[in-house]
Amino acid sequence: MFDRTVRCDLLWAPGLSEAVDVSQRWILTAMERHGSELVTMLWRILGNEQDVCDAYQTTFLQLAHRDDRRQPRHIKAYLFRTASNAAITMLRRRVVESRTLSEMEIRARHAESTQPDFDARRLTERLRHLIAELPDHLRSVIALRDLGELPYEEVARTLQISTGTARVYRCKAVQLLAAWMNREVQP
C-alpha cells in the first residue's frame, strides 16, 4: 500500500511551494505532514487508486478554496473530516449509479420480454386458429410435419399418401395460412 500512497503524494510535488501564494503555503505543509495518513484512510474506505487520488485532491482543493481563505484551527481534524466526507460521497454515488444501472437494465429486459412475448403469443394463437380452419387433409399434414416435426416419409405413411402428395399438401397449407395472415395484417 505504501507505493500507492507515494503515487498520490507525487501529485503534489514539493516544487510547487514557490508557485503557491504565501497565504496558502500552510496547505502544502498540511499535505506533507498528514498526506500519507490521509491516503491510508482513503484506501481503507475506497480501496481504489483512482478514487483515493480524487478524494485526496478534493480534500485539498476544498481546503484551498475555503470562503474565508484562512487556515482552520484544527487542520488535521479538518483534513480527515473533509476527506472522509469526500470518500463517503463517492461511495454513495457508486451505489446510486449501480442502482440506476440495474433499474435501467431491469426495465430494458422487461420491455424486451413483455412486448415480443405479447406479440408472439398473439401471433401463435392466431396461427393455431387459422390452422384449425384448414381443410382436414391440409391440417393433418401441417400438424404432423410442422407441429409434430415428423419427416415427410413418416407423414405420408401415417396419412396413407405418397411423400410427394404430403409435400404438395404442406405447400398449399402454408400458402393458405400466409394469405389469411396477410389479409388480417393489411387494413
N, C-alpha and C. Protein backbone atom coordinates (compact mmCIF):
# COMPACT_ATOMS: atom_id res chain seq x y z
N MET A 1 0.83 -1.19 0.00
CA MET A 1 0.00 0.00 0.00
C MET A 1 0.86 1.25 0.00
N PHE A 2 2.09 1.17 0.49
CA PHE A 2 2.93 2.35 0.59
C PHE A 2 3.25 2.93 -0.78
N ASP A 3 3.51 2.05 -1.77
CA ASP A 3 3.84 2.58 -3.10
C ASP A 3 2.66 3.34 -3.69
N ARG A 4 1.45 2.93 -3.38
CA ARG A 4 0.27 3.64 -3.86
C ARG A 4 0.16 5.01 -3.18
N THR A 5 0.48 5.04 -1.90
CA THR A 5 0.46 6.29 -1.16
C THR A 5 1.43 7.27 -1.78
N VAL A 6 2.62 6.78 -2.12
CA VAL A 6 3.64 7.65 -2.71
C VAL A 6 3.15 8.19 -4.04
N ARG A 7 2.48 7.37 -4.84
CA ARG A 7 1.99 7.82 -6.14
C ARG A 7 1.02 8.99 -5.99
N CYS A 8 0.12 8.91 -5.04
CA CYS A 8 -0.82 10.01 -4.83
C CYS A 8 -0.11 11.24 -4.29
N ASP A 9 0.86 11.03 -3.41
CA ASP A 9 1.60 12.17 -2.87
C ASP A 9 2.43 12.85 -3.94
N LEU A 10 2.86 12.11 -4.95
CA LEU A 10 3.66 12.71 -6.00
C LEU A 10 2.85 13.69 -6.85
N LEU A 11 1.54 13.58 -6.75
CA LEU A 11 0.71 14.54 -7.48
C LEU A 11 0.94 15.95 -6.96
N TRP A 12 1.38 16.03 -5.71
CA TRP A 12 1.61 17.34 -5.07
C TRP A 12 3.10 17.47 -4.80
N ALA A 13 3.85 17.70 -5.82
CA ALA A 13 5.31 17.76 -5.71
C ALA A 13 5.75 18.94 -4.85
N PRO A 14 6.85 18.79 -4.08
CA PRO A 14 7.34 19.87 -3.23
C PRO A 14 7.76 21.11 -4.02
N GLY A 15 8.07 20.99 -5.28
CA GLY A 15 8.49 22.13 -6.09
C GLY A 15 7.38 23.14 -6.32
N LEU A 16 6.19 22.80 -5.92
CA LEU A 16 5.06 23.70 -6.10
C LEU A 16 5.06 24.86 -5.11
N SER A 17 5.84 24.75 -4.04
CA SER A 17 5.78 25.74 -2.97
C SER A 17 6.13 27.15 -3.46
N GLU A 18 6.98 27.25 -4.47
CA GLU A 18 7.32 28.59 -4.98
C GLU A 18 6.14 29.21 -5.74
N ALA A 19 5.32 28.35 -6.36
CA ALA A 19 4.20 28.85 -7.16
C ALA A 19 2.98 29.17 -6.31
N VAL A 20 2.98 28.75 -5.07
CA VAL A 20 1.82 28.94 -4.20
C VAL A 20 1.94 30.26 -3.46
N ASP A 21 0.82 30.94 -3.35
CA ASP A 21 0.76 32.20 -2.61
C ASP A 21 1.19 31.96 -1.16
N VAL A 22 1.85 32.93 -0.58
CA VAL A 22 2.37 32.83 0.79
C VAL A 22 1.24 32.51 1.77
N SER A 23 0.07 33.09 1.56
CA SER A 23 -1.04 32.87 2.48
C SER A 23 -1.59 31.44 2.39
N GLN A 24 -1.22 30.70 1.35
CA GLN A 24 -1.73 29.34 1.17
C GLN A 24 -0.67 28.26 1.38
N ARG A 25 0.54 28.63 1.77
CA ARG A 25 1.62 27.64 1.94
C ARG A 25 1.34 26.66 3.08
N TRP A 26 0.52 27.06 4.01
CA TRP A 26 0.16 26.16 5.10
C TRP A 26 -0.53 24.90 4.57
N ILE A 27 -1.15 24.99 3.39
CA ILE A 27 -1.81 23.83 2.79
C ILE A 27 -0.76 22.80 2.38
N LEU A 28 0.33 23.27 1.78
CA LEU A 28 1.41 22.35 1.41
C LEU A 28 2.03 21.69 2.63
N THR A 29 2.17 22.45 3.70
CA THR A 29 2.71 21.90 4.94
C THR A 29 1.77 20.81 5.47
N ALA A 30 0.47 21.08 5.44
CA ALA A 30 -0.50 20.08 5.89
C ALA A 30 -0.44 18.83 5.02
N MET A 31 -0.26 19.02 3.73
CA MET A 31 -0.15 17.88 2.82
C MET A 31 1.07 17.03 3.16
N GLU A 32 2.18 17.68 3.43
CA GLU A 32 3.40 16.95 3.75
C GLU A 32 3.27 16.21 5.07
N ARG A 33 2.67 16.85 6.07
CA ARG A 33 2.55 16.25 7.41
C ARG A 33 1.53 15.12 7.45
N HIS A 34 0.38 15.32 6.84
CA HIS A 34 -0.74 14.39 7.03
C HIS A 34 -1.14 13.63 5.77
N GLY A 35 -0.45 13.89 4.67
CA GLY A 35 -0.83 13.28 3.39
C GLY A 35 -0.83 11.76 3.39
N SER A 36 0.23 11.15 3.92
CA SER A 36 0.31 9.68 3.88
C SER A 36 -0.77 9.05 4.77
N GLU A 37 -1.01 9.63 5.94
CA GLU A 37 -2.08 9.11 6.81
C GLU A 37 -3.44 9.25 6.14
N LEU A 38 -3.62 10.37 5.49
CA LEU A 38 -4.88 10.66 4.81
C LEU A 38 -5.12 9.65 3.68
N VAL A 39 -4.08 9.38 2.91
CA VAL A 39 -4.20 8.43 1.81
C VAL A 39 -4.47 7.03 2.35
N THR A 40 -3.84 6.67 3.44
CA THR A 40 -4.08 5.36 4.05
C THR A 40 -5.55 5.23 4.46
N MET A 41 -6.09 6.26 5.09
CA MET A 41 -7.50 6.24 5.47
C MET A 41 -8.40 6.12 4.23
N LEU A 42 -8.07 6.88 3.19
CA LEU A 42 -8.88 6.85 1.98
C LEU A 42 -8.83 5.47 1.31
N TRP A 43 -7.65 4.83 1.35
CA TRP A 43 -7.54 3.48 0.80
C TRP A 43 -8.45 2.52 1.55
N ARG A 44 -8.49 2.66 2.87
CA ARG A 44 -9.35 1.77 3.66
C ARG A 44 -10.82 1.98 3.34
N ILE A 45 -11.20 3.19 3.05
CA ILE A 45 -12.60 3.47 2.74
C ILE A 45 -12.95 3.10 1.31
N LEU A 46 -12.10 3.52 0.36
CA LEU A 46 -12.44 3.40 -1.06
C LEU A 46 -11.86 2.16 -1.74
N GLY A 47 -10.61 1.82 -1.42
CA GLY A 47 -10.00 0.63 -2.00
C GLY A 47 -9.73 0.71 -3.49
N ASN A 48 -9.65 1.91 -4.03
CA ASN A 48 -9.46 2.09 -5.46
C ASN A 48 -8.54 3.28 -5.67
N GLU A 49 -7.45 3.08 -6.39
CA GLU A 49 -6.43 4.13 -6.53
C GLU A 49 -6.99 5.42 -7.11
N GLN A 50 -7.77 5.29 -8.17
CA GLN A 50 -8.31 6.49 -8.81
C GLN A 50 -9.21 7.27 -7.86
N ASP A 51 -10.07 6.57 -7.15
CA ASP A 51 -10.96 7.23 -6.20
C ASP A 51 -10.18 7.86 -5.04
N VAL A 52 -9.14 7.16 -4.58
CA VAL A 52 -8.31 7.71 -3.49
C VAL A 52 -7.67 9.01 -3.93
N CYS A 53 -7.11 9.01 -5.11
CA CYS A 53 -6.46 10.23 -5.62
C CYS A 53 -7.48 11.35 -5.81
N ASP A 54 -8.67 11.00 -6.30
CA ASP A 54 -9.73 12.01 -6.49
C ASP A 54 -10.16 12.60 -5.14
N ALA A 55 -10.37 11.75 -4.15
CA ALA A 55 -10.78 12.23 -2.83
C ALA A 55 -9.67 13.07 -2.18
N TYR A 56 -8.43 12.65 -2.36
CA TYR A 56 -7.28 13.39 -1.83
C TYR A 56 -7.24 14.79 -2.44
N GLN A 57 -7.37 14.83 -3.74
CA GLN A 57 -7.35 16.13 -4.43
C GLN A 57 -8.53 16.99 -4.01
N THR A 58 -9.71 16.41 -3.92
CA THR A 58 -10.90 17.15 -3.50
C THR A 58 -10.70 17.76 -2.12
N THR A 59 -10.11 16.98 -1.23
CA THR A 59 -9.88 17.46 0.14
C THR A 59 -9.01 18.72 0.14
N PHE A 60 -7.90 18.69 -0.57
CA PHE A 60 -7.00 19.84 -0.55
C PHE A 60 -7.54 21.01 -1.37
N LEU A 61 -8.33 20.71 -2.38
CA LEU A 61 -8.97 21.81 -3.13
C LEU A 61 -10.00 22.52 -2.25
N GLN A 62 -10.74 21.76 -1.48
CA GLN A 62 -11.69 22.39 -0.56
C GLN A 62 -10.97 23.22 0.49
N LEU A 63 -9.85 22.72 0.93
CA LEU A 63 -9.05 23.46 1.90
C LEU A 63 -8.53 24.76 1.30
N ALA A 64 -8.08 24.70 0.06
CA ALA A 64 -7.53 25.89 -0.61
C ALA A 64 -8.61 26.90 -0.98
N HIS A 65 -9.83 26.44 -1.18
CA HIS A 65 -10.90 27.33 -1.62
C HIS A 65 -11.95 27.59 -0.55
N ARG A 66 -11.50 27.58 0.67
CA ARG A 66 -12.42 27.93 1.76
C ARG A 66 -12.87 29.37 1.59
N ASP A 67 -14.08 29.65 2.01
CA ASP A 67 -14.62 31.00 1.85
C ASP A 67 -13.77 32.07 2.53
N ASP A 68 -13.31 31.78 3.76
CA ASP A 68 -12.53 32.79 4.48
C ASP A 68 -11.04 32.77 4.11
N ARG A 69 -10.61 31.74 3.31
CA ARG A 69 -9.23 31.61 2.82
C ARG A 69 -8.21 31.62 3.95
N ARG A 70 -8.67 31.26 5.15
CA ARG A 70 -7.75 31.23 6.30
C ARG A 70 -7.53 29.79 6.73
N GLN A 71 -6.48 29.62 7.46
CA GLN A 71 -6.13 28.31 7.98
C GLN A 71 -7.13 27.90 9.07
N PRO A 72 -7.70 26.67 8.98
CA PRO A 72 -8.61 26.23 10.05
C PRO A 72 -7.85 26.03 11.36
N ARG A 73 -8.57 26.10 12.44
CA ARG A 73 -7.94 25.99 13.75
C ARG A 73 -7.31 24.60 13.95
N HIS A 74 -8.03 23.54 13.56
CA HIS A 74 -7.54 22.16 13.71
C HIS A 74 -7.40 21.55 12.30
N ILE A 75 -6.25 21.76 11.73
CA ILE A 75 -6.04 21.37 10.33
C ILE A 75 -6.21 19.87 10.13
N LYS A 76 -5.60 19.07 11.00
CA LYS A 76 -5.67 17.61 10.82
C LYS A 76 -7.12 17.13 10.90
N ALA A 77 -7.85 17.60 11.87
CA ALA A 77 -9.26 17.21 12.01
C ALA A 77 -10.06 17.64 10.78
N TYR A 78 -9.79 18.86 10.31
CA TYR A 78 -10.47 19.38 9.13
C TYR A 78 -10.16 18.50 7.91
N LEU A 79 -8.89 18.16 7.73
CA LEU A 79 -8.47 17.33 6.60
C LEU A 79 -9.16 15.97 6.61
N PHE A 80 -9.11 15.30 7.77
CA PHE A 80 -9.66 13.95 7.84
C PHE A 80 -11.19 13.96 7.70
N ARG A 81 -11.82 14.96 8.26
CA ARG A 81 -13.28 15.06 8.13
C ARG A 81 -13.67 15.35 6.68
N THR A 82 -12.96 16.26 6.05
CA THR A 82 -13.24 16.60 4.66
C THR A 82 -12.97 15.39 3.75
N ALA A 83 -11.87 14.68 3.99
CA ALA A 83 -11.54 13.51 3.17
C ALA A 83 -12.56 12.39 3.36
N SER A 84 -12.96 12.16 4.61
CA SER A 84 -13.95 11.10 4.83
C SER A 84 -15.30 11.48 4.20
N ASN A 85 -15.67 12.75 4.25
CA ASN A 85 -16.91 13.19 3.59
C ASN A 85 -16.82 13.00 2.07
N ALA A 86 -15.66 13.32 1.50
CA ALA A 86 -15.48 13.14 0.06
C ALA A 86 -15.57 11.66 -0.31
N ALA A 87 -14.95 10.81 0.51
CA ALA A 87 -14.99 9.37 0.24
C ALA A 87 -16.40 8.82 0.36
N ILE A 88 -17.12 9.24 1.39
CA ILE A 88 -18.50 8.77 1.57
C ILE A 88 -19.38 9.24 0.43
N THR A 89 -19.17 10.46 -0.03
CA THR A 89 -19.93 10.96 -1.17
C THR A 89 -19.66 10.11 -2.40
N MET A 90 -18.41 9.73 -2.61
CA MET A 90 -18.07 8.88 -3.75
C MET A 90 -18.73 7.51 -3.64
N LEU A 91 -18.73 6.94 -2.44
CA LEU A 91 -19.38 5.64 -2.24
C LEU A 91 -20.88 5.73 -2.48
N ARG A 92 -21.49 6.79 -1.99
CA ARG A 92 -22.93 6.98 -2.21
C ARG A 92 -23.23 7.11 -3.70
N ARG A 93 -22.38 7.84 -4.42
CA ARG A 93 -22.57 8.00 -5.86
C ARG A 93 -22.49 6.65 -6.57
N ARG A 94 -21.54 5.81 -6.13
CA ARG A 94 -21.42 4.47 -6.71
C ARG A 94 -22.70 3.67 -6.51
N VAL A 95 -23.24 3.73 -5.30
CA VAL A 95 -24.45 2.98 -5.00
C VAL A 95 -25.61 3.48 -5.86
N VAL A 96 -25.76 4.79 -5.95
CA VAL A 96 -26.84 5.37 -6.76
C VAL A 96 -26.67 4.98 -8.23
N GLU A 97 -25.44 5.06 -8.73
CA GLU A 97 -25.20 4.70 -10.13
C GLU A 97 -25.48 3.23 -10.38
N SER A 98 -25.07 2.36 -9.46
CA SER A 98 -25.33 0.93 -9.66
C SER A 98 -26.82 0.63 -9.58
N ARG A 99 -27.54 1.30 -8.67
CA ARG A 99 -29.00 1.12 -8.61
C ARG A 99 -29.65 1.59 -9.89
N THR A 100 -29.22 2.76 -10.36
CA THR A 100 -29.79 3.31 -11.58
C THR A 100 -29.53 2.38 -12.76
N LEU A 101 -28.30 1.87 -12.86
CA LEU A 101 -27.99 0.96 -13.95
C LEU A 101 -28.80 -0.31 -13.87
N SER A 102 -28.90 -0.88 -12.66
CA SER A 102 -29.65 -2.12 -12.53
C SER A 102 -31.14 -1.88 -12.79
N GLU A 103 -31.68 -0.75 -12.35
CA GLU A 103 -33.08 -0.45 -12.65
C GLU A 103 -33.30 -0.27 -14.15
N MET A 104 -32.35 0.38 -14.81
CA MET A 104 -32.47 0.56 -16.26
C MET A 104 -32.38 -0.79 -16.97
N GLU A 105 -31.49 -1.67 -16.50
CA GLU A 105 -31.37 -3.00 -17.10
C GLU A 105 -32.66 -3.79 -16.90
N ILE A 106 -33.23 -3.71 -15.70
CA ILE A 106 -34.48 -4.42 -15.41
C ILE A 106 -35.59 -3.91 -16.31
N ARG A 107 -35.69 -2.59 -16.45
CA ARG A 107 -36.72 -2.02 -17.33
C ARG A 107 -36.52 -2.45 -18.77
N ALA A 108 -35.26 -2.43 -19.22
CA ALA A 108 -34.98 -2.82 -20.60
C ALA A 108 -35.32 -4.29 -20.82
N ARG A 109 -34.94 -5.14 -19.88
CA ARG A 109 -35.26 -6.57 -20.01
C ARG A 109 -36.76 -6.78 -19.99
N HIS A 110 -37.43 -6.06 -19.11
CA HIS A 110 -38.88 -6.19 -19.01
C HIS A 110 -39.55 -5.75 -20.30
N ALA A 111 -39.08 -4.63 -20.85
CA ALA A 111 -39.65 -4.13 -22.11
C ALA A 111 -39.40 -5.12 -23.24
N GLU A 112 -38.19 -5.69 -23.28
CA GLU A 112 -37.88 -6.67 -24.32
C GLU A 112 -38.70 -7.93 -24.15
N SER A 113 -38.85 -8.37 -22.91
CA SER A 113 -39.54 -9.64 -22.69
C SER A 113 -41.05 -9.53 -22.82
N THR A 114 -41.64 -8.41 -22.43
CA THR A 114 -43.09 -8.32 -22.48
C THR A 114 -43.62 -8.07 -23.88
N GLN A 115 -43.01 -7.16 -24.59
CA GLN A 115 -43.53 -6.81 -25.91
C GLN A 115 -43.45 -7.97 -26.90
N PRO A 116 -42.28 -8.56 -27.12
CA PRO A 116 -42.22 -9.67 -28.08
C PRO A 116 -43.06 -10.86 -27.63
N ASP A 117 -43.09 -11.18 -26.33
CA ASP A 117 -43.90 -12.30 -25.87
C ASP A 117 -45.37 -12.05 -26.16
N PHE A 118 -45.81 -10.82 -25.95
CA PHE A 118 -47.21 -10.50 -26.21
C PHE A 118 -47.53 -10.69 -27.68
N ASP A 119 -46.69 -10.16 -28.56
CA ASP A 119 -46.89 -10.31 -30.00
C ASP A 119 -46.76 -11.77 -30.41
N ALA A 120 -45.77 -12.46 -29.89
CA ALA A 120 -45.56 -13.86 -30.23
C ALA A 120 -46.74 -14.70 -29.76
N ARG A 121 -47.23 -14.43 -28.58
CA ARG A 121 -48.39 -15.17 -28.08
C ARG A 121 -49.61 -14.93 -28.95
N ARG A 122 -49.81 -13.66 -29.29
CA ARG A 122 -50.98 -13.32 -30.12
C ARG A 122 -50.87 -13.95 -31.50
N LEU A 123 -49.68 -13.88 -32.11
CA LEU A 123 -49.49 -14.48 -33.42
C LEU A 123 -49.62 -16.00 -33.38
N THR A 124 -49.06 -16.61 -32.34
CA THR A 124 -49.17 -18.06 -32.20
C THR A 124 -50.62 -18.48 -32.06
N GLU A 125 -51.35 -17.75 -31.24
CA GLU A 125 -52.77 -18.06 -31.05
C GLU A 125 -53.55 -17.90 -32.34
N ARG A 126 -53.25 -16.85 -33.08
CA ARG A 126 -53.93 -16.60 -34.36
C ARG A 126 -53.59 -17.69 -35.37
N LEU A 127 -52.32 -18.11 -35.40
CA LEU A 127 -51.91 -19.16 -36.32
C LEU A 127 -52.59 -20.48 -35.97
N ARG A 128 -52.71 -20.81 -34.70
CA ARG A 128 -53.42 -22.02 -34.29
C ARG A 128 -54.87 -21.99 -34.75
N HIS A 129 -55.48 -20.84 -34.61
CA HIS A 129 -56.88 -20.68 -35.03
C HIS A 129 -57.01 -20.91 -36.53
N LEU A 130 -56.07 -20.34 -37.29
CA LEU A 130 -56.12 -20.49 -38.75
C LEU A 130 -55.81 -21.92 -39.18
N ILE A 131 -54.90 -22.58 -38.49
CA ILE A 131 -54.61 -23.99 -38.80
C ILE A 131 -55.86 -24.83 -38.60
N ALA A 132 -56.62 -24.52 -37.56
CA ALA A 132 -57.86 -25.26 -37.29
C ALA A 132 -58.89 -25.07 -38.41
N GLU A 133 -58.81 -23.96 -39.14
CA GLU A 133 -59.74 -23.69 -40.24
C GLU A 133 -59.34 -24.34 -41.55
N LEU A 134 -58.12 -24.87 -41.64
CA LEU A 134 -57.67 -25.54 -42.87
C LEU A 134 -58.51 -26.78 -43.15
N PRO A 135 -58.62 -27.13 -44.42
CA PRO A 135 -59.29 -28.41 -44.74
C PRO A 135 -58.56 -29.56 -44.05
N ASP A 136 -59.28 -30.63 -43.76
CA ASP A 136 -58.72 -31.75 -42.98
C ASP A 136 -57.42 -32.29 -43.53
N HIS A 137 -57.35 -32.53 -44.84
CA HIS A 137 -56.14 -33.14 -45.42
C HIS A 137 -54.92 -32.22 -45.28
N LEU A 138 -55.12 -30.90 -45.41
CA LEU A 138 -54.00 -29.95 -45.26
C LEU A 138 -53.63 -29.79 -43.78
N ARG A 139 -54.64 -29.72 -42.93
CA ARG A 139 -54.40 -29.57 -41.48
C ARG A 139 -53.63 -30.76 -40.93
N SER A 140 -53.95 -31.96 -41.39
CA SER A 140 -53.27 -33.17 -40.92
C SER A 140 -51.79 -33.14 -41.28
N VAL A 141 -51.47 -32.71 -42.51
CA VAL A 141 -50.07 -32.64 -42.93
C VAL A 141 -49.31 -31.60 -42.12
N ILE A 142 -49.91 -30.42 -41.93
CA ILE A 142 -49.26 -29.36 -41.13
C ILE A 142 -49.05 -29.83 -39.70
N ALA A 143 -50.06 -30.47 -39.13
CA ALA A 143 -49.95 -30.92 -37.74
C ALA A 143 -48.82 -31.94 -37.58
N LEU A 144 -48.74 -32.89 -38.50
CA LEU A 144 -47.71 -33.92 -38.37
C LEU A 144 -46.31 -33.40 -38.74
N ARG A 145 -46.24 -32.64 -39.83
CA ARG A 145 -44.92 -32.20 -40.32
C ARG A 145 -44.37 -31.04 -39.49
N ASP A 146 -45.15 -29.97 -39.29
CA ASP A 146 -44.62 -28.78 -38.63
C ASP A 146 -44.77 -28.80 -37.11
N LEU A 147 -45.92 -29.25 -36.65
CA LEU A 147 -46.10 -29.28 -35.20
C LEU A 147 -45.51 -30.53 -34.57
N GLY A 148 -45.64 -31.67 -35.27
CA GLY A 148 -45.08 -32.92 -34.77
C GLY A 148 -43.64 -33.15 -35.18
N GLU A 149 -43.15 -32.32 -36.10
CA GLU A 149 -41.77 -32.38 -36.59
C GLU A 149 -41.39 -33.76 -37.14
N LEU A 150 -42.35 -34.41 -37.82
CA LEU A 150 -42.07 -35.70 -38.44
C LEU A 150 -41.54 -35.49 -39.84
N PRO A 151 -40.69 -36.38 -40.32
CA PRO A 151 -40.22 -36.27 -41.71
C PRO A 151 -41.37 -36.59 -42.67
N TYR A 152 -41.22 -36.12 -43.92
CA TYR A 152 -42.29 -36.32 -44.90
C TYR A 152 -42.63 -37.81 -45.09
N GLU A 153 -41.65 -38.69 -45.04
CA GLU A 153 -41.90 -40.12 -45.21
C GLU A 153 -42.83 -40.65 -44.13
N GLU A 154 -42.62 -40.19 -42.89
CA GLU A 154 -43.46 -40.62 -41.77
C GLU A 154 -44.87 -40.04 -41.90
N VAL A 155 -44.96 -38.78 -42.33
CA VAL A 155 -46.27 -38.14 -42.54
C VAL A 155 -47.04 -38.91 -43.61
N ALA A 156 -46.37 -39.23 -44.71
CA ALA A 156 -47.03 -39.94 -45.81
C ALA A 156 -47.51 -41.32 -45.36
N ARG A 157 -46.67 -42.05 -44.62
CA ARG A 157 -47.06 -43.38 -44.14
C ARG A 157 -48.24 -43.29 -43.18
N THR A 158 -48.25 -42.29 -42.28
CA THR A 158 -49.33 -42.13 -41.30
C THR A 158 -50.65 -41.81 -41.99
N LEU A 159 -50.61 -40.92 -42.99
CA LEU A 159 -51.84 -40.49 -43.67
C LEU A 159 -52.18 -41.37 -44.88
N GLN A 160 -51.33 -42.32 -45.16
CA GLN A 160 -51.50 -43.25 -46.28
C GLN A 160 -51.61 -42.51 -47.61
N ILE A 161 -50.64 -41.59 -47.80
CA ILE A 161 -50.50 -40.86 -49.06
C ILE A 161 -49.04 -40.94 -49.47
N SER A 162 -48.74 -40.49 -50.68
CA SER A 162 -47.34 -40.53 -51.13
C SER A 162 -46.56 -39.37 -50.49
N THR A 163 -45.24 -39.48 -50.49
CA THR A 163 -44.37 -38.43 -49.95
C THR A 163 -44.55 -37.15 -50.75
N GLY A 164 -44.66 -37.26 -52.07
CA GLY A 164 -44.88 -36.10 -52.93
C GLY A 164 -46.18 -35.39 -52.61
N THR A 165 -47.24 -36.16 -52.36
CA THR A 165 -48.54 -35.57 -52.02
C THR A 165 -48.45 -34.84 -50.68
N ALA A 166 -47.71 -35.41 -49.73
CA ALA A 166 -47.53 -34.76 -48.42
C ALA A 166 -46.84 -33.41 -48.60
N ARG A 167 -45.84 -33.38 -49.48
CA ARG A 167 -45.14 -32.12 -49.74
C ARG A 167 -46.06 -31.09 -50.39
N VAL A 168 -46.86 -31.53 -51.35
CA VAL A 168 -47.78 -30.62 -52.04
C VAL A 168 -48.82 -30.09 -51.05
N TYR A 169 -49.38 -30.96 -50.21
CA TYR A 169 -50.39 -30.53 -49.23
C TYR A 169 -49.80 -29.50 -48.25
N ARG A 170 -48.58 -29.77 -47.82
CA ARG A 170 -47.94 -28.81 -46.89
C ARG A 170 -47.74 -27.47 -47.58
N CYS A 171 -47.28 -27.48 -48.82
CA CYS A 171 -47.05 -26.24 -49.56
C CYS A 171 -48.35 -25.46 -49.70
N LYS A 172 -49.45 -26.15 -50.05
CA LYS A 172 -50.75 -25.48 -50.18
C LYS A 172 -51.21 -24.92 -48.83
N ALA A 173 -51.00 -25.67 -47.77
CA ALA A 173 -51.41 -25.22 -46.44
C ALA A 173 -50.65 -23.96 -46.03
N VAL A 174 -49.35 -23.95 -46.29
CA VAL A 174 -48.53 -22.78 -45.93
C VAL A 174 -48.98 -21.58 -46.76
N GLN A 175 -49.26 -21.77 -48.04
CA GLN A 175 -49.72 -20.66 -48.88
C GLN A 175 -51.04 -20.11 -48.37
N LEU A 176 -51.97 -20.98 -48.01
CA LEU A 176 -53.26 -20.53 -47.48
C LEU A 176 -53.09 -19.78 -46.16
N LEU A 177 -52.29 -20.32 -45.27
CA LEU A 177 -52.05 -19.66 -43.98
C LEU A 177 -51.42 -18.28 -44.17
N ALA A 178 -50.45 -18.20 -45.08
CA ALA A 178 -49.79 -16.92 -45.35
C ALA A 178 -50.79 -15.91 -45.91
N ALA A 179 -51.64 -16.35 -46.80
CA ALA A 179 -52.65 -15.44 -47.38
C ALA A 179 -53.62 -14.97 -46.30
N TRP A 180 -54.06 -15.88 -45.46
CA TRP A 180 -55.01 -15.50 -44.40
C TRP A 180 -54.37 -14.54 -43.40
N MET A 181 -53.14 -14.83 -43.02
CA MET A 181 -52.43 -13.96 -42.07
C MET A 181 -52.17 -12.59 -42.70
N ASN A 182 -51.81 -12.58 -43.96
CA ASN A 182 -51.54 -11.34 -44.68
C ASN A 182 -52.81 -10.51 -44.82
N ARG A 183 -53.90 -11.15 -45.05
CA ARG A 183 -55.18 -10.46 -45.18
C ARG A 183 -55.56 -9.74 -43.88
N GLU A 184 -55.25 -10.33 -42.76
CA GLU A 184 -55.60 -9.74 -41.47
C GLU A 184 -54.68 -8.57 -41.11
N VAL A 185 -53.45 -8.61 -41.58
CA VAL A 185 -52.48 -7.57 -41.27
C VAL A 185 -52.79 -6.31 -42.05
N GLN A 186 -53.18 -6.44 -43.31
CA GLN A 186 -53.45 -5.27 -44.15
C GLN A 186 -54.79 -4.67 -43.79
N PRO A 187 -54.87 -3.32 -43.78
CA PRO A 187 -56.14 -2.65 -43.43
C PRO A 187 -57.20 -2.78 -44.49
